[in-house]
């Protein structure tokens, strides 16, 4: 069974939640409202050799490079067993 996680990257913090926070069938795509924030999906990644998928969402105030940089910093510093391998 595939495990799905979302990283929520905002200007103040990065949060990991279980599951995907948007509706993959949404024809609009792009933006999602979550806990009072407007986010957009900036990266989707399936980990090699594992049944693990990461969805990385960034606050619309952050650029894609900034979102990915903050997500990579979180992945390097977290103690979670599951974490994305961002390079």
PDB file of N, CA and C in Angstrom:
ATOM      1  N   UNK A   1       0.827  -1.183   0.000  1.00  0.00           N
ATOM      2  CA  UNK A   1       0.000   0.000   0.000  1.00  0.00           C
ATOM      3  C   UNK A   1       0.875   1.252   0.000  1.00  0.00           C
ATOM      4  N   UNK A   2       0.522   2.193  -0.817  1.00  0.00           N
ATOM      5  CA  UNK A   2       1.309   3.414  -0.950  1.00  0.00           C
ATOM      6  C   UNK A   2       1.006   4.383   0.191  1.00  0.00           C
ATOM      7  N   UNK A   3       2.066   4.886   0.809  1.00  0.00           N
ATOM      8  CA  UNK A   3       1.933   5.916   1.835  1.00  0.00           C
ATOM      9  C   UNK A   3       2.035   7.274   1.149  1.00  0.00           C
ATOM     10  N   UNK A   4       1.185   8.203   1.551  1.00  0.00           N
ATOM     11  CA  UNK A   4       1.165   9.535   0.953  1.00  0.00           C
ATOM     12  C   UNK A   4       1.326  10.576   2.051  1.00  0.00           C
ATOM     13  N   UNK A   5       2.248  11.507   1.817  1.00  0.00           N
ATOM     14  CA  UNK A   5       2.495  12.602   2.747  1.00  0.00           C
ATOM     15  C   UNK A   5       2.495  13.920   1.992  1.00  0.00           C
ATOM     16  N   UNK A   6       2.136  14.976   2.685  1.00  0.00           N
ATOM     17  CA  UNK A   6       2.209  16.331   2.137  1.00  0.00           C
ATOM     18  C   UNK A   6       3.090  17.176   3.036  1.00  0.00           C
ATOM     19  N   UNK A   7       3.957  17.953   2.409  1.00  0.00           N
ATOM     20  CA  UNK A   7       4.700  18.971   3.138  1.00  0.00           C
ATOM     21  C   UNK A   7       4.052  20.308   2.823  1.00  0.00           C
ATOM     22  N   UNK A   8       3.723  21.049   3.858  1.00  0.00           N
ATOM     23  CA  UNK A   8       3.114  22.358   3.728  1.00  0.00           C
ATOM     24  C   UNK A   8       4.200  23.377   4.086  1.00  0.00           C
ATOM     25  N   UNK A   9       4.606  24.174   3.121  1.00  0.00           N
ATOM     26  CA  UNK A   9       5.685  25.137   3.324  1.00  0.00           C
ATOM     27  C   UNK A   9       5.088  26.543   3.317  1.00  0.00           C
ATOM     28  N   UNK A  10       5.237  27.227   4.446  1.00  0.00           N
ATOM     29  CA  UNK A  10       4.755  28.601   4.575  1.00  0.00           C
ATOM     30  C   UNK A  10       5.945  29.493   4.930  1.00  0.00           C
ATOM     31  N   UNK A  11       5.761  30.794   4.913  1.00  0.00           N
ATOM     32  CA  UNK A  11       6.887  31.666   5.258  1.00  0.00           C
ATOM     33  C   UNK A  11       7.451  31.419   6.666  1.00  0.00           C
ATOM     34  N   UNK A  12       6.629  30.896   7.571  1.00  0.00           N
ATOM     35  CA  UNK A  12       7.088  30.728   8.959  1.00  0.00           C
ATOM     36  C   UNK A  12       7.489  29.312   9.342  1.00  0.00           C
ATOM     37  N   UNK A  13       6.980  28.297   8.615  1.00  0.00           N
ATOM     38  CA  UNK A  13       7.299  26.927   9.033  1.00  0.00           C
ATOM     39  C   UNK A  13       7.004  25.927   7.922  1.00  0.00           C
ATOM     40  N   UNK A  14       7.438  24.695   8.187  1.00  0.00           N
ATOM     41  CA  UNK A  14       7.151  23.558   7.312  1.00  0.00           C
ATOM     42  C   UNK A  14       6.442  22.523   8.165  1.00  0.00           C
ATOM     43  N   UNK A  15       5.347  22.009   7.643  1.00  0.00           N
ATOM     44  CA  UNK A  15       4.548  21.034   8.385  1.00  0.00           C
ATOM     45  C   UNK A  15       4.330  19.802   7.505  1.00  0.00           C
ATOM     46  N   UNK A  16       4.405  18.647   8.114  1.00  0.00           N
ATOM     47  CA  UNK A  16       4.164  17.383   7.418  1.00  0.00           C
ATOM     48  C   UNK A  16       2.810  16.833   7.854  1.00  0.00           C
ATOM     49  N   UNK A  17       1.979  16.470   6.873  1.00  0.00           N
ATOM     50  CA  UNK A  17       0.683  15.866   7.173  1.00  0.00           C
ATOM     51  C   UNK A  17       0.539  14.583   6.363  1.00  0.00           C
ATOM     52  N   UNK A  18      -0.243  13.674   6.896  1.00  0.00           N
ATOM     53  CA  UNK A  18      -0.500  12.412   6.210  1.00  0.00           C
ATOM     54  C   UNK A  18      -1.566  12.652   5.152  1.00  0.00           C
ATOM     55  N   UNK A  19      -1.321  12.151   3.968  1.00  0.00           N
ATOM     56  CA  UNK A  19      -2.284  12.260   2.884  1.00  0.00           C
ATOM     57  C   UNK A  19      -2.021  13.452   1.986  1.00  0.00           C
ATOM     58  N   UNK A  20      -2.871  13.558   0.997  1.00  0.00           N
ATOM     59  CA  UNK A  20      -2.803  14.654   0.044  1.00  0.00           C
ATOM     60  C   UNK A  20      -3.877  15.664   0.417  1.00  0.00           C
ATOM     61  N   UNK A  21      -3.547  16.953   0.416  1.00  0.00           N
ATOM     62  CA  UNK A  21      -4.505  17.947   0.896  1.00  0.00           C
ATOM     63  C   UNK A  21      -5.386  18.530  -0.196  1.00  0.00           C
ATOM     64  N   UNK A  22      -5.068  18.261  -1.454  1.00  0.00           N
ATOM     65  CA  UNK A  22      -5.919  18.770  -2.522  1.00  0.00           C
ATOM     66  C   UNK A  22      -6.683  17.621  -3.165  1.00  0.00           C
ATOM     67  N   UNK A  23      -7.573  17.960  -4.042  1.00  0.00           N
ATOM     68  CA  UNK A  23      -8.360  16.967  -4.763  1.00  0.00           C
ATOM     69  C   UNK A  23      -7.698  16.742  -6.118  1.00  0.00           C
ATOM     70  N   UNK A  24      -7.108  15.560  -6.343  1.00  0.00           N
ATOM     71  CA  UNK A  24      -6.411  15.327  -7.604  1.00  0.00           C
ATOM     72  C   UNK A  24      -7.327  15.395  -8.828  1.00  0.00           C
ATOM     73  N   UNK A  25      -8.632  15.290  -8.617  1.00  0.00           N
ATOM     74  CA  UNK A  25      -9.572  15.353  -9.735  1.00  0.00           C
ATOM     75  C   UNK A  25     -10.030  16.783 -10.027  1.00  0.00           C
ATOM     76  N   UNK A  26      -9.570  17.754  -9.246  1.00  0.00           N
ATOM     77  CA  UNK A  26      -9.978  19.145  -9.435  1.00  0.00           C
ATOM     78  C   UNK A  26      -9.458  19.656 -10.777  1.00  0.00           C
ATOM     79  N   UNK A  27     -10.371  20.036 -11.683  1.00  0.00           N
ATOM     80  CA  UNK A  27      -9.934  20.496 -12.993  1.00  0.00           C
ATOM     81  C   UNK A  27      -9.181  21.828 -12.942  1.00  0.00           C
ATOM     82  N   UNK A  28      -9.433  22.621 -11.898  1.00  0.00           N
ATOM     83  CA  UNK A  28      -8.740  23.901 -11.765  1.00  0.00           C
ATOM     84  C   UNK A  28      -7.264  23.677 -11.456  1.00  0.00           C
ATOM     85  N   UNK A  29      -6.994  22.731 -10.540  1.00  0.00           N
ATOM     86  CA  UNK A  29      -5.611  22.456 -10.153  1.00  0.00           C
ATOM     87  C   UNK A  29      -4.954  23.698  -9.578  1.00  0.00           C
ATOM     88  N   UNK A  30      -3.699  23.587  -9.303  1.00  0.00           N
ATOM     89  CA  UNK A  30      -2.948  24.763  -8.877  1.00  0.00           C
ATOM     90  C   UNK A  30      -3.102  25.147  -7.432  1.00  0.00           C
ATOM     91  N   UNK A  31      -4.152  25.876  -7.079  1.00  0.00           N
ATOM     92  CA  UNK A  31      -4.284  26.405  -5.727  1.00  0.00           C
ATOM     93  C   UNK A  31      -5.254  25.602  -4.877  1.00  0.00           C
ATOM     94  N   UNK A  32      -4.969  25.599  -3.566  1.00  0.00           N
ATOM     95  CA  UNK A  32      -5.832  24.943  -2.596  1.00  0.00           C
ATOM     96  C   UNK A  32      -5.853  25.796  -1.327  1.00  0.00           C
ATOM     97  N   UNK A  33      -6.997  25.863  -0.684  1.00  0.00           N
ATOM     98  CA  UNK A  33      -7.105  26.556   0.606  1.00  0.00           C
ATOM     99  C   UNK A  33      -6.879  25.520   1.700  1.00  0.00           C
ATOM    100  N   UNK A  34      -6.025  25.858   2.666  1.00  0.00           N
ATOM    101  CA  UNK A  34      -5.730  24.931   3.758  1.00  0.00           C
ATOM    102  C   UNK A  34      -5.413  25.734   5.010  1.00  0.00           C
ATOM    103  N   UNK A  35      -6.216  25.534   6.049  1.00  0.00           N
ATOM    104  CA  UNK A  35      -6.025  26.229   7.332  1.00  0.00           C
ATOM    105  C   UNK A  35      -5.849  27.741   7.162  1.00  0.00           C
ATOM    106  N   UNK A  36      -6.678  28.320   6.307  1.00  0.00           N
ATOM    107  CA  UNK A  36      -6.637  29.762   6.124  1.00  0.00           C
ATOM    108  C   UNK A  36      -5.544  30.266   5.205  1.00  0.00           C
ATOM    109  N   UNK A  37      -4.810  29.380   4.584  1.00  0.00           N
ATOM    110  CA  UNK A  37      -3.724  29.762   3.670  1.00  0.00           C
ATOM    111  C   UNK A  37      -4.053  29.329   2.254  1.00  0.00           C
ATOM    112  N   UNK A  38      -3.543  30.077   1.311  1.00  0.00           N
ATOM    113  CA  UNK A  38      -3.643  29.676  -0.086  1.00  0.00           C
ATOM    114  C   UNK A  38      -2.318  29.043  -0.475  1.00  0.00           C
ATOM    115  N   UNK A  39      -2.408  27.803  -0.907  1.00  0.00           N
ATOM    116  CA  UNK A  39      -1.215  27.029  -1.266  1.00  0.00           C
ATOM    117  C   UNK A  39      -1.319  26.581  -2.712  1.00  0.00           C
ATOM    118  N   UNK A  40      -0.173  26.200  -3.252  1.00  0.00           N
ATOM    119  CA  UNK A  40      -0.163  25.582  -4.579  1.00  0.00           C
ATOM    120  C   UNK A  40       0.770  24.379  -4.546  1.00  0.00           C
ATOM    121  N   UNK A  41       0.427  23.392  -5.329  1.00  0.00           N
ATOM    122  CA  UNK A  41       1.274  22.205  -5.454  1.00  0.00           C
ATOM    123  C   UNK A  41       2.482  22.580  -6.302  1.00  0.00           C
ATOM    124  N   UNK A  42       3.688  22.414  -5.744  1.00  0.00           N
ATOM    125  CA  UNK A  42       4.888  22.776  -6.493  1.00  0.00           C
ATOM    126  C   UNK A  42       5.740  21.579  -6.874  1.00  0.00           C
ATOM    127  N   UNK A  43       5.518  20.435  -6.209  1.00  0.00           N
ATOM    128  CA  UNK A  43       6.358  19.275  -6.507  1.00  0.00           C
ATOM    129  C   UNK A  43       5.661  17.998  -6.052  1.00  0.00           C
ATOM    130  N   UNK A  44       5.790  16.978  -6.858  1.00  0.00           N
ATOM    131  CA  UNK A  44       5.275  15.645  -6.528  1.00  0.00           C
ATOM    132  C   UNK A  44       6.425  14.669  -6.739  1.00  0.00           C
ATOM    133  N   UNK A  45       6.619  13.780  -5.789  1.00  0.00           N
ATOM    134  CA  UNK A  45       7.770  12.876  -5.867  1.00  0.00           C
ATOM    135  C   UNK A  45       7.442  11.506  -5.314  1.00  0.00           C
ATOM    136  N   UNK A  46       7.755  10.487  -6.092  1.00  0.00           N
ATOM    137  CA  UNK A  46       7.648   9.105  -5.631  1.00  0.00           C
ATOM    138  C   UNK A  46       9.058   8.647  -5.282  1.00  0.00           C
ATOM    139  N   UNK A  47       9.207   8.152  -4.064  1.00  0.00           N
ATOM    140  CA  UNK A  47      10.524   7.689  -3.629  1.00  0.00           C
ATOM    141  C   UNK A  47      10.884   6.376  -4.316  1.00  0.00           C
ATOM    142  N   UNK A  48      12.096   6.307  -4.847  1.00  0.00           N
ATOM    143  CA  UNK A  48      12.558   5.097  -5.525  1.00  0.00           C
ATOM    144  C   UNK A  48      12.628   3.915  -4.573  1.00  0.00           C
ATOM    145  N   UNK A  49      12.090   2.792  -5.008  1.00  0.00           N
ATOM    146  CA  UNK A  49      12.159   1.570  -4.219  1.00  0.00           C
ATOM    147  C   UNK A  49      11.224   1.531  -3.028  1.00  0.00           C
ATOM    148  N   UNK A  50      10.387   2.524  -2.861  1.00  0.00           N
ATOM    149  CA  UNK A  50       9.452   2.563  -1.731  1.00  0.00           C
ATOM    150  C   UNK A  50       8.061   2.912  -2.235  1.00  0.00           C
ATOM    151  N   UNK A  51       7.065   2.450  -1.525  1.00  0.00           N
ATOM    152  CA  UNK A  51       5.694   2.843  -1.823  1.00  0.00           C
ATOM    153  C   UNK A  51       5.382   4.108  -1.031  1.00  0.00           C
ATOM    154  N   UNK A  52       6.010   5.192  -1.437  1.00  0.00           N
ATOM    155  CA  UNK A  52       5.935   6.449  -0.704  1.00  0.00           C
ATOM    156  C   UNK A  52       5.874   7.601  -1.697  1.00  0.00           C
ATOM    157  N   UNK A  53       4.852   8.449  -1.548  1.00  0.00           N
ATOM    158  CA  UNK A  53       4.691   9.607  -2.430  1.00  0.00           C
ATOM    159  C   UNK A  53       4.624  10.870  -1.580  1.00  0.00           C
ATOM    160  N   UNK A  54       5.346  11.899  -2.032  1.00  0.00           N
ATOM    161  CA  UNK A  54       5.351  13.196  -1.366  1.00  0.00           C
ATOM    162  C   UNK A  54       4.728  14.239  -2.270  1.00  0.00           C
ATOM    163  N   UNK A  55       3.858  15.071  -1.694  1.00  0.00           N
ATOM    164  CA  UNK A  55       3.316  16.234  -2.371  1.00  0.00           C
ATOM    165  C   UNK A  55       3.809  17.443  -1.586  1.00  0.00           C
ATOM    166  N   UNK A  56       4.451  18.365  -2.265  1.00  0.00           N
ATOM    167  CA  UNK A  56       4.993  19.543  -1.587  1.00  0.00           C
ATOM    168  C   UNK A  56       4.206  20.759  -2.054  1.00  0.00           C
ATOM    169  N   UNK A  57       3.578  21.402  -1.087  1.00  0.00           N
ATOM    170  CA  UNK A  57       2.744  22.579  -1.332  1.00  0.00           C
ATOM    171  C   UNK A  57       3.435  23.789  -0.742  1.00  0.00           C
ATOM    172  N   UNK A  58       3.408  24.892  -1.463  1.00  0.00           N
ATOM    173  CA  UNK A  58       3.994  26.127  -0.975  1.00  0.00           C
ATOM    174  C   UNK A  58       2.971  27.233  -0.888  1.00  0.00           C
ATOM    175  N   UNK A  59       3.133  28.072   0.111  1.00  0.00           N
ATOM    176  CA  UNK A  59       2.325  29.277   0.230  1.00  0.00           C
ATOM    177  C   UNK A  59       2.500  30.070  -1.073  1.00  0.00           C
ATOM    178  N   UNK A  60       1.425  30.673  -1.561  1.00  0.00           N
ATOM    179  CA  UNK A  60       1.535  31.374  -2.838  1.00  0.00           C
ATOM    180  C   UNK A  60       2.480  32.569  -2.766  1.00  0.00           C
ATOM    181  N   UNK A  61       2.814  33.017  -1.555  1.00  0.00           N
ATOM    182  CA  UNK A  61       3.771  34.121  -1.405  1.00  0.00           C
ATOM    183  C   UNK A  61       5.213  33.673  -1.647  1.00  0.00           C
ATOM    184  N   UNK A  62       5.456  32.360  -1.661  1.00  0.00           N
ATOM    185  CA  UNK A  62       6.806  31.828  -1.851  1.00  0.00           C
ATOM    186  C   UNK A  62       6.993  31.369  -3.293  1.00  0.00           C
ATOM    187  N   UNK A  63       8.187  31.572  -3.809  1.00  0.00           N
ATOM    188  CA  UNK A  63       8.504  31.075  -5.148  1.00  0.00           C
ATOM    189  C   UNK A  63       8.712  29.557  -5.084  1.00  0.00           C
ATOM    190  N   UNK A  64       8.681  28.920  -6.224  1.00  0.00           N
ATOM    191  CA  UNK A  64       8.925  27.475  -6.257  1.00  0.00           C
ATOM    192  C   UNK A  64      10.319  27.144  -5.724  1.00  0.00           C
ATOM    193  N   UNK A  65      11.392  27.850  -6.160  1.00  0.00           N
ATOM    194  CA  UNK A  65      12.718  27.542  -5.603  1.00  0.00           C
ATOM    195  C   UNK A  65      12.792  27.721  -4.084  1.00  0.00           C
ATOM    196  N   UNK A  66      12.140  28.767  -3.563  1.00  0.00           N
ATOM    197  CA  UNK A  66      12.145  28.990  -2.110  1.00  0.00           C
ATOM    198  C   UNK A  66      11.400  27.871  -1.385  1.00  0.00           C
ATOM    199  N   UNK A  67      10.264  27.470  -1.935  1.00  0.00           N
ATOM    200  CA  UNK A  67       9.491  26.373  -1.344  1.00  0.00           C
ATOM    201  C   UNK A  67      10.313  25.099  -1.303  1.00  0.00           C
ATOM    202  N   UNK A  68      10.951  24.759  -2.418  1.00  0.00           N
ATOM    203  CA  UNK A  68      11.752  23.529  -2.474  1.00  0.00           C
ATOM    204  C   UNK A  68      12.977  23.617  -1.572  1.00  0.00           C
ATOM    205  N   UNK A  69      13.574  24.783  -1.464  1.00  0.00           N
ATOM    206  CA  UNK A  69      14.725  24.957  -0.579  1.00  0.00           C
ATOM    207  C   UNK A  69      14.319  24.729   0.880  1.00  0.00           C
ATOM    208  N   UNK A  70      13.207  25.301   1.281  1.00  0.00           N
ATOM    209  CA  UNK A  70      12.727  25.119   2.660  1.00  0.00           C
ATOM    210  C   UNK A  70      12.323  23.663   2.915  1.00  0.00           C
ATOM    211  N   UNK A  71      11.737  23.020   1.916  1.00  0.00           N
ATOM    212  CA  UNK A  71      11.374  21.605   2.057  1.00  0.00           C
ATOM    213  C   UNK A  71      12.627  20.751   2.211  1.00  0.00           C
ATOM    214  N   UNK A  72      13.668  21.051   1.449  1.00  0.00           N
ATOM    215  CA  UNK A  72      14.931  20.305   1.548  1.00  0.00           C
ATOM    216  C   UNK A  72      15.572  20.497   2.919  1.00  0.00           C
ATOM    217  N   UNK A  73      15.530  21.722   3.440  1.00  0.00           N
ATOM    218  CA  UNK A  73      16.073  21.976   4.776  1.00  0.00           C
ATOM    219  C   UNK A  73      15.307  21.176   5.822  1.00  0.00           C
ATOM    220  N   UNK A  74      13.985  21.122   5.680  1.00  0.00           N
ATOM    221  CA  UNK A  74      13.175  20.332   6.612  1.00  0.00           C
ATOM    222  C   UNK A  74      13.567  18.858   6.524  1.00  0.00           C
ATOM    223  N   UNK A  75      13.701  18.345   5.301  1.00  0.00           N
ATOM    224  CA  UNK A  75      14.026  16.928   5.114  1.00  0.00           C
ATOM    225  C   UNK A  75      15.382  16.574   5.723  1.00  0.00           C
ATOM    226  N   UNK A  76      16.334  17.487   5.634  1.00  0.00           N
ATOM    227  CA  UNK A  76      17.665  17.241   6.194  1.00  0.00           C
ATOM    228  C   UNK A  76      17.673  17.292   7.717  1.00  0.00           C
ATOM    229  N   UNK A  77      16.779  18.061   8.301  1.00  0.00           N
ATOM    230  CA  UNK A  77      16.814  18.250   9.752  1.00  0.00           C
ATOM    231  C   UNK A  77      15.788  17.423  10.526  1.00  0.00           C
ATOM    232  N   UNK A  78      14.827  16.821   9.838  1.00  0.00           N
ATOM    233  CA  UNK A  78      13.780  16.090  10.549  1.00  0.00           C
ATOM    234  C   UNK A  78      14.296  14.758  11.090  1.00  0.00           C
ATOM    235  N   UNK A  79      13.632  14.297  12.116  1.00  0.00           N
ATOM    236  CA  UNK A  79      13.961  12.989  12.683  1.00  0.00           C
ATOM    237  C   UNK A  79      12.990  11.915  12.208  1.00  0.00           C
ATOM    238  N   UNK A  80      12.067  12.316  11.320  1.00  0.00           N
ATOM    239  CA  UNK A  80      11.093  11.356  10.789  1.00  0.00           C
ATOM    240  C   UNK A  80      11.800  10.296   9.952  1.00  0.00           C
ATOM    241  N   UNK A  81      11.315   9.075  10.049  1.00  0.00           N
ATOM    242  CA  UNK A  81      11.864   8.000   9.233  1.00  0.00           C
ATOM    243  C   UNK A  81      11.546   8.242   7.763  1.00  0.00           C
ATOM    244  N   UNK A  82      10.308   8.648   7.488  1.00  0.00           N
ATOM    245  CA  UNK A  82       9.915   8.959   6.125  1.00  0.00           C
ATOM    246  C   UNK A  82      10.182  10.431   5.863  1.00  0.00           C
ATOM    247  N   UNK A  83      10.921  10.697   4.820  1.00  0.00           N
ATOM    248  CA  UNK A  83      11.174  12.072   4.404  1.00  0.00           C
ATOM    249  C   UNK A  83      11.553  12.080   2.927  1.00  0.00           C
ATOM    250  N   UNK A  84      11.241  13.153   2.239  1.00  0.00           N
ATOM    251  CA  UNK A  84      11.570  13.199   0.816  1.00  0.00           C
ATOM    252  C   UNK A  84      13.073  13.366   0.611  1.00  0.00           C
ATOM    253  N   UNK A  85      13.570  12.838  -0.472  1.00  0.00           N
ATOM    254  CA  UNK A  85      14.976  13.008  -0.813  1.00  0.00           C
ATOM    255  C   UNK A  85      15.068  14.077  -1.896  1.00  0.00           C
ATOM    256  N   UNK A  86      15.144  15.315  -1.462  1.00  0.00           N
ATOM    257  CA  UNK A  86      15.212  16.449  -2.384  1.00  0.00           C
ATOM    258  C   UNK A  86      16.664  16.843  -2.582  1.00  0.00           C
ATOM    259  N   UNK A  87      17.035  17.071  -3.821  1.00  0.00           N
ATOM    260  CA  UNK A  87      18.432  17.449  -4.118  1.00  0.00           C
ATOM    261  C   UNK A  87      18.461  18.766  -4.841  1.00  0.00           C
TER     262      UNK A  87
END
